[in-house]
Amino acid sequence: MHEVLSEKEVEADNSVFAFLSANVISNRLTPFMKGVTYFASATFLQIAYGVLVFFYVLKKNVKRALEIAAIGLGGFMVNYFMKISFQRIRPPHPLIEKLQNFSFPSGHATSAFIFYGLLTYLVWKTKIRKVYKFLIGSVLILFSLLIGFSRVYLRVHYPSDVVAGICIGFAWLILTVGLFERLKKRAANEVA
């Protein structure tokens, strides 16, 4: 197992858990957080990516459909290999059924930032008014953050797992979207 965090960072993680236990966690909020976390689950995202890919195939934009599939699958693989590399054990006393895979980085946070960030990018490419693009993008990014928070709230991830997942998801999305945009420009220049 590789050392993921220093003692100081582990102490910060535990301080967040202590604060949440004392001030935030409640019987009313827990079912809501379970619902929120579902929207970055493998079950939901497989369906959501499938619908998105199918939508672009129907629009006869197979290139975009393949890009979406590559971004989603690639993000999953990056997260998977990081988990088996670091092998960080999950926090004790989860509020949902104990998970058996490793904790670092948070797959839900990574996947949420990739998927909802990708939706933001796709909305941005539409012809709707800019104010609506900002509004929709803001809601999607805030929802991604809420998903990350739900993982800490439910004690299935340390806060540092979620922060790492957000950073990895954001970096993967920027890298892949940037690459696909560059390839499109290059192809357009070659045609011109």
Foldseek 3Di string as FASTA:
>chain_A
DDDDDDPVVVVVLVVVLVCCVVPPDDPVCLVVLVVLLVCLDPVNVVVVLVVVLVVCVVVVNNVVSVLSVCLQVVLLVVQVVVQVVHVADFFPDFQDPADDGGAAAPSSLLSLLQVLVVVLVVLVPDDDDPVVSVVSNVVSVVSSVSSLVSCSSRRRYGNVNNVRSNVSNNVSNCVSVVVVVVVVVVVVVVVD
